[in-house]
Amino acid sequence: MSARLVLLGPPGAGKGTQAVRISGRLEVPAISTGDIFRANVAEQTELGKRAQRYMDAGEYVPDEVTNAMVRDRLAQPDAVPGFLLDGYPRTSDQVAELDGMLSDDGQRLDAVVELTADTDEVVTRLLKRASEQGRADDTEPVIRRRLEVYAEQTAPLARLYADRGLLVQVDGIGEIDEVTDRILAALTPKLG
């Protein structure tokens, strides 16, 4: 099946888990910017070397580098029929860049899935994960701030995609299978 999707959602909403499940069901690659960064750094590509300099300094990788990595990944043969992007776009500038990438190839997004989640539930999940994984820096104030930043940065994207008729919101809280089923049901009208 051909599907070009973006997955949005706050930290702890289950995006990573659902990206793998949905991409498997739709037979398209799940593409995460984190994975793209790691692959480019590991392979010592020119873009990877540029990104590494920023990451080593504890800075955000600039959009121009991120956009170039995403463009390169979407041009790979497995992503030509479709993809599920997780972690990109994160800004309105990146939305415009993605639009350009797709239109250059005569393509467009089919849908944008936003996993929604109760803030207190997400904080509880992330605190549990931090405890299990020994992440001492993931304290409740830090987690709540990350959620605020996500809301500030992503709310405009969700509105933009809603205005285009592409946004489907799905409750990300519940059993993993239930959430997967909700996402697939929400996508059915968009994918035909």
Protein backbone atom coordinates (compact mmCIF):
# COMPACT_ATOMS: atom_id res chain seq x y z
CA MET A 1 0.00 0.00 0.00
CA SER A 2 1.20 3.50 -0.75
CA ALA A 3 1.02 5.83 2.24
CA ARG A 4 2.94 9.01 3.01
CA LEU A 5 2.41 9.83 6.66
CA VAL A 6 3.72 12.03 9.45
CA LEU A 7 3.38 10.99 13.09
CA LEU A 8 3.19 13.71 15.75
CA GLY A 9 2.83 13.36 19.50
CA PRO A 10 4.36 14.40 22.80
CA PRO A 11 7.23 12.53 24.41
CA GLY A 12 5.83 9.42 26.10
CA ALA A 13 2.75 9.12 23.87
CA GLY A 14 4.08 5.94 22.24
CA LYS A 15 5.17 7.36 18.86
CA GLY A 16 8.18 5.08 18.48
CA THR A 17 6.20 1.95 19.29
CA GLN A 18 3.31 2.90 17.04
CA ALA A 19 5.56 4.04 14.18
CA VAL A 20 7.06 0.54 13.95
CA ARG A 21 3.66 -1.16 14.17
CA ILE A 22 1.88 1.10 11.67
CA SER A 23 4.73 1.05 9.17
CA GLY A 24 4.75 -2.76 9.37
CA ARG A 25 1.02 -2.97 8.75
CA LEU A 26 1.17 -0.51 5.84
CA GLU A 27 4.44 -1.95 4.52
CA VAL A 28 6.24 1.40 4.41
CA PRO A 29 9.45 2.31 6.24
CA ALA A 30 9.24 4.12 9.58
CA ILE A 31 11.71 6.98 9.28
CA SER A 32 12.84 8.68 12.46
CA THR A 33 15.13 11.69 12.40
CA GLY A 34 17.05 10.17 15.31
CA ASP A 35 17.73 7.05 13.23
CA ILE A 36 18.74 9.18 10.25
CA PHE A 37 21.19 11.15 12.40
CA ARG A 38 22.69 8.00 13.90
CA ALA A 39 23.04 6.30 10.51
CA ASN A 40 24.73 9.33 8.92
CA VAL A 41 27.09 9.73 11.87
CA ALA A 42 27.94 6.00 11.93
CA GLU A 43 28.58 5.97 8.18
CA GLN A 44 30.64 9.18 8.48
CA THR A 45 28.73 10.82 5.61
CA GLU A 46 29.42 14.49 4.98
CA LEU A 47 26.03 15.35 6.51
CA GLY A 48 26.78 13.05 9.44
CA LYS A 49 30.06 14.82 10.13
CA ARG A 50 28.31 18.19 10.04
CA ALA A 51 25.56 16.98 12.39
CA GLN A 52 28.11 15.42 14.75
CA ARG A 53 29.82 18.78 15.28
CA TYR A 54 26.54 20.29 16.53
CA MET A 55 25.58 17.26 18.61
CA ASP A 56 29.03 17.17 20.25
CA ALA A 57 28.58 20.81 21.23
CA GLY A 58 25.13 20.02 22.69
CA GLU A 59 23.39 22.16 20.08
CA TYR A 60 20.43 21.48 17.81
CA VAL A 61 21.35 20.29 14.35
CA PRO A 62 20.36 23.14 11.99
CA ASP A 63 17.36 22.71 9.71
CA GLU A 64 19.53 22.77 6.58
CA VAL A 65 21.39 19.64 7.73
CA THR A 66 18.25 17.90 9.01
CA ASN A 67 16.34 18.74 5.82
CA ALA A 68 19.16 17.42 3.63
CA MET A 69 19.27 14.16 5.60
CA VAL A 70 15.48 13.71 5.32
CA ARG A 71 15.55 14.52 1.59
CA ASP A 72 18.28 11.91 1.09
CA ARG A 73 16.37 9.29 3.12
CA LEU A 74 13.09 9.88 1.26
CA ALA A 75 14.95 9.34 -2.02
CA GLN A 76 15.98 5.81 -0.97
CA PRO A 77 14.18 3.10 -3.01
CA ASP A 78 12.22 1.70 -0.02
CA ALA A 79 10.66 5.12 0.70
CA VAL A 80 9.57 5.92 -2.85
CA PRO A 81 6.20 4.12 -2.57
CA GLY A 82 5.56 5.56 0.90
CA PHE A 83 6.88 6.27 4.38
CA LEU A 84 5.96 7.16 7.95
CA LEU A 85 7.96 10.12 9.29
CA ASP A 86 8.48 10.21 13.07
CA GLY A 87 10.13 13.34 14.48
CA TYR A 88 9.96 15.40 11.31
CA PRO A 89 8.75 18.00 10.60
CA ARG A 90 9.04 19.82 13.92
CA THR A 91 8.74 23.42 12.74
CA SER A 92 6.68 25.30 10.17
CA ASP A 93 9.88 25.86 8.16
CA GLN A 94 10.39 22.08 8.06
CA VAL A 95 6.76 21.65 6.95
CA ALA A 96 7.46 23.95 4.01
CA GLU A 97 10.66 22.05 3.24
CA LEU A 98 8.86 18.69 3.32
CA ASP A 99 6.12 20.08 1.06
CA GLY A 100 8.83 21.09 -1.41
CA MET A 101 10.57 17.70 -1.25
CA LEU A 102 7.34 15.89 -2.00
CA SER A 103 6.09 18.24 -4.70
CA ASP A 104 9.47 17.98 -6.47
CA ASP A 105 8.62 14.29 -6.91
CA GLY A 106 4.93 14.88 -7.69
CA GLN A 107 3.90 13.53 -4.29
CA ARG A 108 1.99 14.78 -1.25
CA LEU A 109 1.21 13.64 2.27
CA ASP A 110 -1.79 11.38 2.72
CA ALA A 111 -2.31 12.05 6.43
CA VAL A 112 -0.78 13.36 9.63
CA VAL A 113 -1.50 11.35 12.78
CA GLU A 114 -1.28 13.17 16.09
CA LEU A 115 -1.14 10.89 19.09
CA THR A 116 -2.75 12.73 21.97
CA ALA A 117 -2.17 11.90 25.61
CA ASP A 118 -3.16 13.24 29.01
CA THR A 119 -0.20 15.22 30.40
CA ASP A 120 -0.28 13.58 33.84
CA GLU A 121 -0.44 10.12 32.25
CA VAL A 122 2.56 10.93 30.05
CA VAL A 123 4.53 12.30 33.01
CA THR A 124 3.83 9.08 34.92
CA ARG A 125 4.96 6.99 31.91
CA LEU A 126 8.14 8.99 31.44
CA LEU A 127 9.02 8.94 35.14
CA LYS A 128 8.57 5.15 35.13
CA ARG A 129 10.74 4.82 32.02
CA ALA A 130 13.38 7.10 33.55
CA SER A 131 13.45 4.95 36.69
CA GLU A 132 13.68 1.69 34.71
CA GLN A 133 16.42 3.03 32.44
CA GLY A 134 18.35 4.91 35.11
CA ARG A 135 17.77 8.35 33.58
CA ALA A 136 18.40 10.49 36.65
CA ASP A 137 18.06 13.72 34.65
CA ASP A 138 14.45 12.90 33.66
CA THR A 139 12.81 14.52 36.66
CA GLU A 140 9.20 15.63 36.75
CA PRO A 141 10.02 19.36 36.18
CA VAL A 142 12.28 18.47 33.23
CA ILE A 143 9.63 16.20 31.72
CA ARG A 144 6.90 18.81 32.16
CA ARG A 145 9.11 21.42 30.48
CA ARG A 146 9.74 19.05 27.52
CA LEU A 147 5.98 18.62 27.19
CA GLU A 148 5.48 22.42 27.26
CA VAL A 149 8.11 22.89 24.54
CA TYR A 150 6.48 20.16 22.48
CA ALA A 151 3.07 21.83 22.83
CA GLU A 152 4.48 25.25 21.88
CA GLN A 153 6.32 23.93 18.82
CA THR A 154 3.84 21.33 17.61
CA ALA A 155 0.47 23.01 18.16
CA PRO A 156 1.03 25.26 15.12
CA LEU A 157 1.90 22.21 12.98
CA ALA A 158 -1.22 20.35 14.07
CA ARG A 159 -3.34 23.42 13.23
CA LEU A 160 -1.64 23.79 9.84
CA TYR A 161 -2.26 20.15 8.94
CA ALA A 162 -5.83 20.32 10.30
CA ASP A 163 -6.49 23.33 8.04
CA ARG A 164 -5.29 21.21 5.10
CA GLY A 165 -7.65 18.39 6.08
CA LEU A 166 -4.77 15.99 6.74
CA LEU A 167 -4.79 15.75 10.56
CA VAL A 168 -6.27 12.81 12.41
CA GLN A 169 -6.03 12.82 16.20
CA VAL A 170 -5.85 9.51 18.03
CA ASP A 171 -5.80 8.89 21.77
CA GLY A 172 -2.37 7.39 22.50
CA ILE A 173 -3.32 6.08 25.94
CA GLY A 174 -4.33 2.45 26.28
CA GLU A 175 -3.07 -0.99 25.37
CA ILE A 176 -0.60 -0.97 22.49
CA ASP A 177 -2.88 -3.08 20.25
CA GLU A 178 -5.86 -0.82 20.98
CA VAL A 179 -3.91 2.30 20.02
CA THR A 180 -2.65 0.64 16.81
CA ASP A 181 -6.23 -0.31 15.90
CA ARG A 182 -7.42 3.26 16.59
CA ILE A 183 -4.72 4.68 14.32
CA LEU A 184 -5.48 2.28 11.49
CA ALA A 185 -9.21 2.98 11.78
CA ALA A 186 -8.57 6.75 11.70
CA LEU A 187 -6.35 6.36 8.63
CA THR A 188 -8.77 4.21 6.62
CA PRO A 189 -10.75 7.17 5.19
CA LYS A 190 -7.51 8.98 4.30
CA LEU A 191 -5.83 6.03 2.59
CA GLY A 192 -8.89 4.66 0.82
